Amino acid sequence: MNNTLSQPDDAKLSQLLREARPAPPLPPGFQNAVWRRLEKAEPPQEPFSLAGWLDRCAAWLLRQRLAAAGLAVLLLVGALVGVMDGVSLSKQAAQQRYLASVSPMSHTP
């Protein structure tokens, strides 16, 4: 790479090159028209495939916010299932204790 300091002639040359090829002005509303065309353009539709659908779902679910929310929901559901199972087990144990206290001979191990 050539590391020479720019000289005053370089500035003049740059100015001459810019003037030699002027950029024509854009018509009024050109940018707005381009953006409208981009917004109207539809992405190409690909045929339905289960693998593509699963990929899109996995990508959507693996976003950081959704992953954190999904983890929170799973923890909440797990806790609720655990509580419900514990209530059911404690109810069965209470029934067995009551039956054993009323009729000790009917208790089966």
C-alpha atoms as a PDB file:
ATOM      1  CA  MET A   1       0.000   0.000   0.000  1.00  0.00           C
ATOM      2  CA  ASN A   2       1.287   3.441  -0.886  1.00  0.00           C
ATOM      3  CA  ASN A   3       1.181   5.717   2.174  1.00  0.00           C
ATOM      4  CA  THR A   4       1.912   9.098   0.645  1.00  0.00           C
ATOM      5  CA  LEU A   5       0.572  12.292   2.080  1.00  0.00           C
ATOM      6  CA  SER A   6      -2.109  13.953  -0.017  1.00  0.00           C
ATOM      7  CA  GLN A   7      -0.873  16.912  -1.937  1.00  0.00           C
ATOM      8  CA  PRO A   8      -2.790  20.013  -2.997  1.00  0.00           C
ATOM      9  CA  ASP A   9      -2.910  18.638  -6.552  1.00  0.00           C
ATOM     10  CA  ASP A  10      -4.899  15.653  -5.257  1.00  0.00           C
ATOM     11  CA  ALA A  11      -7.647  17.958  -4.005  1.00  0.00           C
ATOM     12  CA  LYS A  12      -7.790  19.702  -7.369  1.00  0.00           C
ATOM     13  CA  LEU A  13      -7.891  16.364  -9.165  1.00  0.00           C
ATOM     14  CA  SER A  14     -10.703  15.121  -6.935  1.00  0.00           C
ATOM     15  CA  GLN A  15     -12.684  18.283  -7.625  1.00  0.00           C
ATOM     16  CA  LEU A  16     -12.164  17.903 -11.394  1.00  0.00           C
ATOM     17  CA  LEU A  17     -13.291  14.269 -11.300  1.00  0.00           C
ATOM     18  CA  ARG A  18     -16.463  15.191  -9.370  1.00  0.00           C
ATOM     19  CA  GLU A  19     -17.304  17.923 -11.852  1.00  0.00           C
ATOM     20  CA  ALA A  20     -16.622  15.690 -14.860  1.00  0.00           C
ATOM     21  CA  ARG A  21     -19.368  13.293 -13.885  1.00  0.00           C
ATOM     22  CA  PRO A  22     -22.157  15.178 -12.181  1.00  0.00           C
ATOM     23  CA  ALA A  23     -25.011  13.192 -10.651  1.00  0.00           C
ATOM     24  CA  PRO A  24     -28.385  14.204 -12.083  1.00  0.00           C
ATOM     25  CA  PRO A  25     -30.935  15.304  -9.502  1.00  0.00           C
ATOM     26  CA  LEU A  26     -33.585  12.765  -8.583  1.00  0.00           C
ATOM     27  CA  PRO A  27     -37.172  13.520  -9.541  1.00  0.00           C
ATOM     28  CA  PRO A  28     -39.409  14.790  -6.749  1.00  0.00           C
ATOM     29  CA  GLY A  29     -40.904  12.024  -4.607  1.00  0.00           C
ATOM     30  CA  PHE A  30     -38.452   9.440  -5.927  1.00  0.00           C
ATOM     31  CA  GLN A  31     -37.584   8.004  -2.495  1.00  0.00           C
ATOM     32  CA  ASN A  32     -41.234   7.824  -1.453  1.00  0.00           C
ATOM     33  CA  ALA A  33     -42.108   5.983  -4.663  1.00  0.00           C
ATOM     34  CA  VAL A  34     -39.298   3.495  -4.110  1.00  0.00           C
ATOM     35  CA  TRP A  35     -40.417   2.818  -0.549  1.00  0.00           C
ATOM     36  CA  ARG A  36     -44.040   2.367  -1.664  1.00  0.00           C
ATOM     37  CA  ARG A  37     -42.953  -0.177  -4.276  1.00  0.00           C
ATOM     38  CA  LEU A  38     -40.882  -2.046  -1.692  1.00  0.00           C
ATOM     39  CA  GLU A  39     -43.786  -2.140   0.758  1.00  0.00           C
ATOM     40  CA  LYS A  40     -46.168  -3.430  -1.911  1.00  0.00           C
ATOM     41  CA  ALA A  41     -43.788  -6.143  -3.079  1.00  0.00           C
ATOM     42  CA  GLU A  42     -44.660  -9.515  -1.625  1.00  0.00           C
ATOM     43  CA  PRO A  43     -41.996 -12.033  -0.740  1.00  0.00           C
ATOM     44  CA  PRO A  44     -42.005 -15.062  -3.006  1.00  0.00           C
ATOM     45  CA  GLN A  45     -44.298 -17.809  -1.735  1.00  0.00           C
ATOM     46  CA  GLU A  46     -42.577 -21.114  -1.268  1.00  0.00           C
ATOM     47  CA  PRO A  47     -44.565 -24.344  -1.330  1.00  0.00           C
ATOM     48  CA  PHE A  48     -45.723 -25.660   2.047  1.00  0.00           C
ATOM     49  CA  SER A  49     -43.469 -28.189   3.670  1.00  0.00           C
ATOM     50  CA  LEU A  50     -43.591 -29.577   7.171  1.00  0.00           C
ATOM     51  CA  ALA A  51     -39.852 -29.121   7.640  1.00  0.00           C
ATOM     52  CA  GLY A  52     -40.030 -25.463   6.588  1.00  0.00           C
ATOM     53  CA  TRP A  53     -42.987 -24.853   8.894  1.00  0.00           C
ATOM     54  CA  LEU A  54     -41.161 -26.483  11.810  1.00  0.00           C
ATOM     55  CA  ASP A  55     -38.051 -24.401  11.088  1.00  0.00           C
ATOM     56  CA  ARG A  56     -40.089 -21.186  11.138  1.00  0.00           C
ATOM     57  CA  CYS A  57     -41.807 -22.213  14.384  1.00  0.00           C
ATOM     58  CA  ALA A  58     -38.493 -23.119  16.019  1.00  0.00           C
ATOM     59  CA  ALA A  59     -36.931 -19.825  14.913  1.00  0.00           C
ATOM     60  CA  TRP A  60     -39.920 -17.936  16.305  1.00  0.00           C
ATOM     61  CA  LEU A  61     -39.819 -19.800  19.615  1.00  0.00           C
ATOM     62  CA  LEU A  62     -36.067 -19.450  20.029  1.00  0.00           C
ATOM     63  CA  ARG A  63     -36.183 -15.675  20.168  1.00  0.00           C
ATOM     64  CA  GLN A  64     -34.829 -14.553  23.503  1.00  0.00           C
ATOM     65  CA  ARG A  65     -38.045 -13.011  24.868  1.00  0.00           C
ATOM     66  CA  LEU A  66     -40.202 -15.896  23.754  1.00  0.00           C
ATOM     67  CA  ALA A  67     -37.744 -18.446  25.088  1.00  0.00           C
ATOM     68  CA  ALA A  68     -37.758 -16.759  28.501  1.00  0.00           C
ATOM     69  CA  ALA A  69     -41.562 -16.544  28.498  1.00  0.00           C
ATOM     70  CA  GLY A  70     -41.830 -20.184  27.401  1.00  0.00           C
ATOM     71  CA  LEU A  71     -39.486 -21.256  30.175  1.00  0.00           C
ATOM     72  CA  ALA A  72     -41.552 -19.331  32.723  1.00  0.00           C
ATOM     73  CA  VAL A  73     -44.769 -20.942  31.458  1.00  0.00           C
ATOM     74  CA  LEU A  74     -43.217 -24.417  31.573  1.00  0.00           C
ATOM     75  CA  LEU A  75     -42.024 -23.848  35.140  1.00  0.00           C
ATOM     76  CA  LEU A  76     -45.467 -22.615  36.169  1.00  0.00           C
ATOM     77  CA  VAL A  77     -47.213 -25.578  34.521  1.00  0.00           C
ATOM     78  CA  GLY A  78     -44.747 -27.984  36.150  1.00  0.00           C
ATOM     79  CA  ALA A  79     -45.339 -26.439  39.558  1.00  0.00           C
ATOM     80  CA  LEU A  80     -49.112 -26.643  39.131  1.00  0.00           C
ATOM     81  CA  VAL A  81     -48.940 -30.292  38.056  1.00  0.00           C
ATOM     82  CA  GLY A  82     -46.708 -31.044  41.046  1.00  0.00           C
ATOM     83  CA  VAL A  83     -49.105 -29.349  43.454  1.00  0.00           C
ATOM     84  CA  MET A  84     -52.094 -31.178  41.976  1.00  0.00           C
ATOM     85  CA  ASP A  85     -50.282 -34.510  42.216  1.00  0.00           C
ATOM     86  CA  GLY A  86     -49.268 -33.764  45.802  1.00  0.00           C
ATOM     87  CA  VAL A  87     -52.852 -32.919  46.733  1.00  0.00           C
ATOM     88  CA  SER A  88     -54.036 -36.173  45.162  1.00  0.00           C
ATOM     89  CA  LEU A  89     -51.399 -38.220  46.990  1.00  0.00           C
ATOM     90  CA  SER A  90     -52.112 -36.554  50.321  1.00  0.00           C
ATOM     91  CA  LYS A  91     -55.847 -37.186  49.851  1.00  0.00           C
ATOM     92  CA  GLN A  92     -55.180 -40.883  49.175  1.00  0.00           C
ATOM     93  CA  ALA A  93     -52.900 -41.103  52.232  1.00  0.00           C
ATOM     94  CA  ALA A  94     -55.538 -39.445  54.406  1.00  0.00           C
ATOM     95  CA  GLN A  95     -58.167 -41.895  53.153  1.00  0.00           C
ATOM     96  CA  GLN A  96     -55.885 -44.859  53.904  1.00  0.00           C
ATOM     97  CA  ARG A  97     -55.120 -43.539  57.417  1.00  0.00           C
ATOM     98  CA  TYR A  98     -58.824 -43.025  58.106  1.00  0.00           C
ATOM     99  CA  LEU A  99     -59.685 -46.497  56.846  1.00  0.00           C
ATOM    100  CA  ALA A 100     -56.900 -47.993  58.975  1.00  0.00           C
ATOM    101  CA  SER A 101     -58.129 -46.157  62.073  1.00  0.00           C
ATOM    102  CA  VAL A 102     -61.770 -47.236  61.569  1.00  0.00           C
ATOM    103  CA  SER A 103     -61.110 -50.806  60.522  1.00  0.00           C
ATOM    104  CA  PRO A 104     -57.529 -51.920  61.118  1.00  0.00           C
ATOM    105  CA  MET A 105     -58.147 -55.301  59.514  1.00  0.00           C
ATOM    106  CA  SER A 106     -59.303 -53.879  56.168  1.00  0.00           C
ATOM    107  CA  HIS A 107     -55.986 -52.144  55.552  1.00  0.00           C
ATOM    108  CA  THR A 108     -54.096 -53.867  52.754  1.00  0.00           C
ATOM    109  CA  PRO A 109     -50.357 -53.241  52.414  1.00  0.00           C
END
